[in-house]
Protein backbone atom coordinates (compact mmCIF):
# COMPACT_ATOMS: atom_id res chain seq x y z
CA MET A 1 -48.16 -3.69 23.03
CA ARG A 2 -48.38 -0.01 22.23
CA THR A 3 -45.62 0.65 24.73
CA LEU A 4 -43.38 -1.90 22.99
CA VAL A 5 -43.99 -0.25 19.62
CA ILE A 6 -43.18 3.21 21.01
CA VAL A 7 -39.99 1.93 22.67
CA SER A 8 -38.92 0.27 19.40
CA PHE A 9 -39.36 3.49 17.47
CA VAL A 10 -37.38 5.43 20.10
CA LEU A 11 -34.54 2.92 19.95
CA PHE A 12 -34.48 3.09 16.18
CA PHE A 13 -34.35 6.90 16.25
CA LEU A 14 -31.52 6.91 18.77
CA SER A 15 -29.54 4.32 16.83
CA VAL A 16 -29.65 6.49 13.71
CA THR A 17 -28.79 9.78 15.39
CA ILE A 18 -26.21 8.59 17.98
CA PRO A 19 -23.07 6.77 16.74
CA PHE A 20 -22.12 3.47 18.29
CA THR A 21 -18.91 4.67 19.88
CA SER A 22 -18.58 1.56 22.00
CA LEU A 23 -18.57 -0.68 18.91
CA ALA A 24 -16.32 1.51 16.80
CA ALA A 25 -12.79 0.36 16.09
CA PRO A 26 -10.29 1.92 18.51
CA GLN A 27 -8.24 4.77 17.08
CA PRO A 28 -4.46 4.46 17.27
CA PRO A 29 -2.85 6.65 19.94
CA GLY A 30 -1.39 10.05 19.19
CA ALA A 31 1.25 12.16 20.93
CA PRO A 32 1.28 15.62 22.56
CA LEU A 33 2.80 18.53 20.67
CA THR A 34 4.56 19.73 23.83
CA PRO A 35 6.94 17.07 25.27
CA PRO A 36 5.87 15.89 28.74
CA ASP A 37 8.03 16.62 31.78
CA VAL A 38 10.58 13.99 32.84
CA PRO A 39 11.53 13.97 36.54
CA GLY A 40 15.05 13.41 37.82
CA PRO A 41 18.52 14.55 36.72
CA LEU A 42 19.12 15.23 33.04
CA SER A 43 22.21 14.59 30.93
CA ASP A 44 23.42 15.92 27.60
CA PRO A 45 23.78 13.52 24.67
CA PRO A 46 27.30 12.38 23.75
CA SER A 47 29.31 14.58 21.42
CA SER A 48 30.16 11.70 19.09
CA PRO A 49 27.85 9.40 17.13
CA GLY A 50 27.08 5.98 18.52
CA ASN A 51 24.33 3.43 18.95
CA LEU A 52 22.61 5.37 21.73
CA PHE A 53 19.87 7.38 20.02
CA PHE A 54 17.73 6.21 17.13
CA ILE A 55 15.21 7.59 14.68
CA ASN A 56 12.84 4.81 15.66
CA GLU A 57 9.59 5.39 13.72
CA VAL A 58 8.48 7.79 10.99
CA LEU A 59 5.03 8.74 9.64
CA PHE A 60 5.10 11.32 6.85
CA THR A 61 1.62 10.80 5.28
CA PRO A 62 -0.97 11.52 8.00
CA ASN A 63 -4.64 11.10 7.21
CA ARG A 64 -5.94 11.86 10.71
CA THR A 65 -5.04 14.06 13.68
CA TRP A 66 -2.03 12.57 15.44
CA ILE A 67 -1.38 15.60 17.68
CA CYS A 68 -3.14 14.88 20.97
CA PRO A 69 -3.76 17.71 23.45
CA SER A 70 -1.87 17.64 26.72
CA PRO A 71 -3.47 18.70 30.05
CA ASP A 72 -2.01 22.23 29.84
CA GLN A 73 -2.58 22.63 26.10
CA PRO A 74 -5.81 23.30 24.17
CA PRO A 75 -6.97 20.85 21.50
CA PRO A 76 -5.22 21.21 18.14
CA ASP A 77 -6.70 23.48 15.50
CA GLN A 78 -8.67 21.16 13.23
CA SER A 79 -8.68 23.76 10.45
CA LYS A 80 -4.95 23.29 9.91
CA SER A 81 -3.66 20.96 7.27
CA LEU A 82 -3.25 17.33 8.23
CA THR A 83 0.30 17.47 6.86
CA GLU A 84 1.33 19.12 10.14
CA ASN A 85 0.55 15.83 11.88
CA ALA A 86 3.57 14.13 10.30
CA TRP A 87 5.79 12.87 13.11
CA VAL A 88 9.16 11.32 13.93
CA GLU A 89 9.82 9.18 17.01
CA ILE A 90 13.22 9.24 18.75
CA TYR A 91 14.31 6.37 21.02
CA ASN A 92 16.75 6.71 23.94
CA SER A 93 18.55 3.41 24.63
CA GLN A 94 20.58 4.79 27.56
CA ASP A 95 19.95 4.36 31.27
CA VAL A 96 19.74 8.14 31.94
CA ALA A 97 17.34 10.86 30.86
CA ILE A 98 18.70 12.98 28.00
CA ASP A 99 17.98 16.66 27.33
CA LEU A 100 18.00 17.36 23.57
CA TYR A 101 17.20 21.08 23.91
CA SER A 102 19.03 23.04 26.62
CA ASN A 103 22.69 22.78 25.66
CA VAL A 104 22.82 20.91 22.34
CA HIS A 105 19.71 22.16 20.46
CA ALA A 106 19.03 18.93 18.58
CA THR A 107 17.69 19.20 15.04
CA LEU A 108 16.22 17.06 12.28
CA ASP A 109 16.89 17.52 8.57
CA SER A 110 16.81 15.56 5.31
CA GLY A 111 20.47 16.04 4.50
CA PRO A 112 22.89 18.96 4.05
CA GLY A 113 21.19 22.12 2.80
CA THR A 114 17.63 20.97 3.55
CA PRO A 115 15.10 22.67 5.88
CA ILE A 116 15.91 22.22 9.57
CA PHE A 117 13.52 21.38 12.40
CA TYR A 118 14.65 22.47 15.88
CA PHE A 119 13.45 20.38 18.82
CA PRO A 120 11.06 22.40 21.05
CA LYS A 121 11.78 23.47 24.59
CA GLY A 122 11.49 20.64 27.09
CA SER A 123 12.56 17.91 24.64
CA VAL A 124 13.70 15.35 27.17
CA ILE A 125 13.72 11.57 26.73
CA ALA A 126 13.47 9.32 29.78
CA PRO A 127 15.68 6.21 29.94
CA HIS A 128 14.64 3.59 27.39
CA SER A 129 11.74 5.79 26.35
CA PHE A 130 10.54 7.80 23.36
CA LEU A 131 10.05 11.38 22.20
CA VAL A 132 7.67 12.23 19.35
CA VAL A 133 8.16 15.49 17.45
CA PHE A 134 6.13 17.05 14.63
CA PRO A 135 8.64 18.68 12.24
CA ARG A 136 6.06 20.28 9.93
CA THR A 137 4.32 22.31 12.65
CA SER A 138 7.14 24.87 12.81
CA THR A 139 8.85 24.03 9.50
CA PRO A 140 6.13 23.53 6.86
CA SER A 141 8.76 23.13 4.15
CA PHE A 142 10.31 20.16 5.95
CA SER A 143 10.52 17.77 3.03
CA GLN A 144 10.34 14.03 2.83
CA SER A 145 13.49 12.42 1.52
CA THR A 146 15.19 9.06 1.51
CA GLN A 147 17.52 10.46 4.19
CA LEU A 148 16.68 11.66 7.68
CA ARG A 149 19.29 12.88 10.19
CA LEU A 150 19.23 13.55 13.94
CA LEU A 151 21.97 16.05 14.83
CA ILE A 152 23.18 17.90 17.92
CA SER A 153 24.44 21.47 17.63
CA GLY A 154 23.72 21.17 13.89
CA ILE A 155 27.00 19.29 13.37
CA THR A 156 27.24 15.87 14.99
CA PRO A 157 24.82 13.22 13.66
CA LEU A 158 23.48 10.99 16.43
CA ASP A 159 21.58 8.84 13.92
CA THR A 160 21.11 8.82 10.15
CA VAL A 161 18.60 6.81 8.13
CA ASP A 162 19.50 6.63 4.42
CA ASN A 163 16.78 4.41 2.96
CA LEU A 164 13.44 5.89 3.92
CA PRO A 165 10.73 5.17 1.29
CA LEU A 166 9.82 8.16 -0.87
CA SER A 167 6.09 7.52 -0.49
CA MET A 168 4.22 6.07 2.47
CA PRO A 169 0.63 4.78 2.62
CA PRO A 170 -1.75 7.04 4.59
CA ASP A 171 -1.48 6.64 8.37
CA THR A 172 1.13 3.88 7.96
CA SER A 173 4.47 4.28 9.69
CA TYR A 174 7.94 2.98 8.89
CA ALA A 175 9.48 1.57 12.07
CA ARG A 176 12.50 -0.29 13.37
CA VAL A 177 12.30 -3.89 14.56
CA THR A 178 12.48 -3.78 17.48
CA ASP A 179 13.28 -0.44 19.14
CA GLY A 180 16.69 0.60 17.86
CA GLY A 181 16.95 -2.46 15.59
CA SER A 182 18.64 -2.57 12.20
CA GLN A 183 15.61 -3.79 10.21
CA TRP A 184 12.48 -1.85 9.30
CA GLN A 185 8.85 -2.75 8.73
CA TRP A 186 5.54 -1.11 7.83
CA LEU A 187 3.09 -0.64 10.71
CA THR A 188 -0.57 -0.22 9.77
CA ASN A 189 -1.21 0.47 13.47
CA PRO A 190 1.54 3.01 14.31
CA THR A 191 2.91 3.24 17.85
CA PRO A 192 3.98 6.86 18.49
CA GLY A 193 5.53 7.23 21.94
CA THR A 194 5.39 3.49 22.67
CA SER A 195 7.51 0.44 21.89
CA ASN A 196 7.48 -1.04 18.39
CA PRO A 197 6.35 -4.65 17.91
CA ALA A 198 9.06 -7.12 18.82
CA ALA A 199 8.04 -9.62 16.14
CA LEU A 200 9.02 -9.07 12.55
CA GLN A 201 5.55 -8.74 11.01
CA THR A 202 6.41 -7.60 7.48
CA SER A 203 10.11 -6.94 7.42
CA ILE A 204 11.74 -4.52 5.03
CA SER A 205 15.49 -4.35 5.09
CA SER A 206 16.85 -0.83 5.21
CA THR A 207 19.13 -1.60 2.26
CA THR A 208 16.78 -3.66 0.10
CA THR A 209 14.36 -2.46 -2.56
CA LEU A 210 11.22 -4.55 -2.69
CA ILE A 211 10.32 -5.66 -6.21
CA ARG A 212 7.40 -7.80 -7.22
CA THR A 213 8.73 -10.60 -9.40
CA PRO A 214 6.55 -11.18 -12.49
CA THR A 215 5.28 -14.71 -13.04
CA PRO A 216 6.70 -16.10 -16.28
CA LYS A 217 4.15 -17.09 -18.88
CA ALA A 218 4.42 -20.23 -21.00
CA SER A 219 5.65 -19.59 -24.54
CA PRO A 220 3.57 -21.10 -27.36
CA THR A 221 5.10 -24.15 -29.01
CA PRO A 222 6.31 -23.21 -32.49
CA HIS A 223 4.80 -25.12 -35.42
CA ARG A 224 7.09 -27.11 -37.66
CA THR A 225 7.30 -25.63 -41.13
CA PRO A 226 7.04 -28.46 -43.68
CA THR A 227 9.96 -28.80 -46.07
CA PRO A 228 8.70 -28.61 -49.68
CA HIS A 229 9.52 -31.62 -51.80
CA THR A 230 10.93 -31.45 -55.30
CA ALA A 231 8.22 -30.66 -57.75
CA LYS A 232 7.26 -33.52 -60.01
CA SER A 233 6.90 -32.81 -63.70
CA SER A 234 4.61 -34.30 -66.26
CA ARG A 235 5.58 -34.66 -69.84
CA SER A 236 3.94 -32.47 -72.39
CA SER A 237 2.46 -33.67 -75.61
CA GLY A 238 5.77 -32.88 -77.30
CA GLY A 239 7.68 -35.36 -75.14
CA GLY A 240 9.71 -32.72 -73.22
CA LEU A 241 9.84 -31.84 -69.54
CA GLN A 242 7.83 -28.89 -68.22
CA ASP A 243 8.96 -25.62 -66.65
CA GLY A 244 12.70 -25.63 -67.01
CA SER A 245 13.32 -29.31 -66.32
CA THR A 246 16.27 -30.83 -68.12
CA GLY A 247 15.82 -33.47 -70.80
CA ASP A 248 18.14 -36.16 -71.96
CA ASN A 249 20.18 -33.78 -74.08
CA GLY A 250 20.98 -31.58 -71.04
CA GLN A 251 18.95 -28.61 -72.37
CA ALA A 252 15.90 -27.16 -70.78
CA ASP A 253 12.70 -27.96 -72.63
CA GLN A 254 9.75 -25.58 -72.72
CA GLY A 255 6.64 -27.26 -71.32
CA SER A 256 3.04 -26.72 -72.19
CA ASP A 257 0.31 -25.60 -69.72
CA SER A 258 -0.07 -28.44 -67.28
CA SER A 259 -0.23 -28.22 -63.45
CA VAL A 260 2.74 -28.76 -61.13
CA LEU A 261 2.20 -31.33 -58.41
CA VAL A 262 3.46 -30.28 -54.93
CA ASP A 263 3.76 -32.65 -52.04
CA GLY A 264 3.17 -31.04 -48.59
CA VAL A 265 0.97 -30.82 -45.48
CA GLN A 266 -2.34 -28.98 -45.68
CA PRO A 267 -2.56 -26.45 -42.77
CA ALA A 268 -5.60 -26.53 -40.49
CA TRP A 269 -8.44 -24.24 -41.51
CA ASN A 270 -8.29 -22.22 -38.25
CA LYS A 271 -4.60 -21.47 -38.87
CA LEU A 272 -5.20 -19.79 -42.21
CA PRO A 273 -4.75 -15.98 -42.21
CA VAL A 274 -7.89 -13.90 -42.65
CA PRO A 275 -7.66 -11.12 -45.25
CA GLY A 276 -7.20 -7.72 -43.60
CA SER A 277 -6.03 -9.16 -40.22
CA PRO A 278 -2.47 -8.58 -38.91
CA THR A 279 -0.13 -11.49 -39.45
CA SER A 280 2.34 -12.78 -36.92
CA SER A 281 5.09 -15.33 -36.93
CA PRO A 282 4.10 -18.67 -35.37
CA THR A 283 7.29 -18.65 -33.38
CA ALA A 284 6.88 -15.14 -32.00
CA THR A 285 5.91 -14.75 -28.37
CA SER A 286 3.99 -11.87 -26.90
CA ASP A 287 4.81 -12.31 -23.27
CA THR A 288 4.23 -9.09 -21.42
CA SER A 289 5.43 -9.14 -17.85
CA ASP A 290 4.16 -6.93 -15.14
CA VAL A 291 6.28 -3.87 -14.48
CA ALA A 292 8.18 -4.24 -11.25
CA THR A 293 6.99 -1.68 -8.75
CA ASN A 294 8.08 -0.82 -5.23
CA GLU A 295 5.17 -1.16 -2.86
CA PRO A 296 4.65 -1.90 0.79
CA LEU A 297 3.81 -5.38 1.87
CA THR A 298 0.81 -4.45 3.89
CA THR A 299 -1.99 -1.99 3.64
CA PRO A 300 -4.40 -0.77 6.09
CA ASP A 301 -7.43 -3.05 6.45
CA ASN A 302 -10.75 -1.51 7.49
CA SER A 303 -12.87 -4.63 6.97
CA GLY A 304 -13.61 -4.84 10.72
CA ASP A 305 -15.34 -1.45 10.67
CA HIS A 306 -17.56 -2.53 7.75
CA THR A 307 -18.49 -5.79 9.48
CA ILE A 308 -19.53 -4.02 12.67
CA ARG A 309 -21.54 -1.47 10.71
CA ASN A 310 -23.31 -4.22 8.77
CA ILE A 311 -24.27 -5.95 12.02
CA GLU A 312 -25.66 -2.69 13.40
CA LEU A 313 -27.75 -2.07 10.28
CA THR A 314 -29.05 -5.65 10.32
CA VAL A 315 -30.21 -5.34 13.96
CA LEU A 316 -31.86 -2.00 13.22
CA ALA A 317 -33.65 -3.45 10.20
CA ILE A 318 -35.00 -6.32 12.32
CA LEU A 319 -36.24 -3.90 15.01
CA LEU A 320 -37.93 -1.73 12.41
CA ALA A 321 -39.60 -4.72 10.74
CA GLY A 322 -40.84 -5.98 14.11
CA SER A 323 -42.21 -2.52 14.98
CA LEU A 324 -44.11 -2.30 11.71
CA PHE A 325 -45.58 -5.80 12.23
CA TRP A 326 -46.83 -4.94 15.72
CA CYS A 327 -48.34 -1.69 14.44
CA TRP A 328 -50.16 -3.56 11.71
CA LYS A 329 -51.39 -6.20 14.14
CA LEU A 330 -52.61 -3.68 16.72
CA PHE A 331 -54.21 -1.03 14.53
CA ILE A 332 -54.83 -2.24 10.99
CA ALA A 333 -55.73 -5.92 11.41
CA PRO A 334 -58.69 -5.24 13.84
CA ARG A 335 -60.17 -2.72 11.41
CA LEU A 336 -59.95 -5.15 8.51
CA ALA A 337 -61.63 -7.82 10.64
CA ARG A 338 -64.54 -5.49 11.53
CA GLN A 339 -65.06 -4.52 7.89
CA LYS A 340 -65.59 -8.12 6.81
CA PRO A 341 -69.33 -9.06 6.58
């Protein structure tokens, strides 16, 4: 029994100090800062634009390290800003490997007159493959814009995207559907260096602005205002009509002090205005619609991590409770039994 208690305490200590890496949610893949070597003959990209090369996926708001070390490269400097981990994926739809560095010196920019990112040495894309570059590592001022261009020799655009969102959720990419497709979608699990999902998960057209349509609210039914009837007059003691009414001689008679009878509908007590409170017209409506905002259709969901963590804590709590019970039964309960007369 004592051995079981000791083992339980050791397991509890290890569970607190050592993270459960096997149960943790898998991290999305990254990409090396230095492009990997591509074997075989290399070709230069065409000198005229066409549907051959594509800006395939973009992530401009990194919240983790997306630069993965290559075998001949040390791990990235964690002290640097995470903004340097912003990346752009290029897709080669041709059947030959293309060299974007040696003769054409491919570049990325956000339009004429914006900061330029030059592709690093060895920027080669295998047939029907991908190349991931990190434009803010060498050009910190590389700005995010609604436009992103891929050019060769700084002149000829191979691909231009004109409707990139101005703000992206953290660690969420904006990708084509599928590779080289004309539609775009948000990816909460980005795929740098690999193929984009073939299914249209949450599609966003490259020429459409997403707007949340406000739900119309029902307008209150206006109350009918009663039409006042003609006031009835009572004759005074002098035989004339009261308050400007006309007698038989066609002249207005002056009446004495007697009340005027008015026929109408008495309003409900809860409809009467309270002194000092603001008044409003019964027909006025105060329908306030939500302001239309552009926002992505999906957001990253970390509920799986919380569920796993809750299960771990529950198991640990059960082990701890069992350990305390066995300790009480082995050490404290016998002493209490001996102390009883």
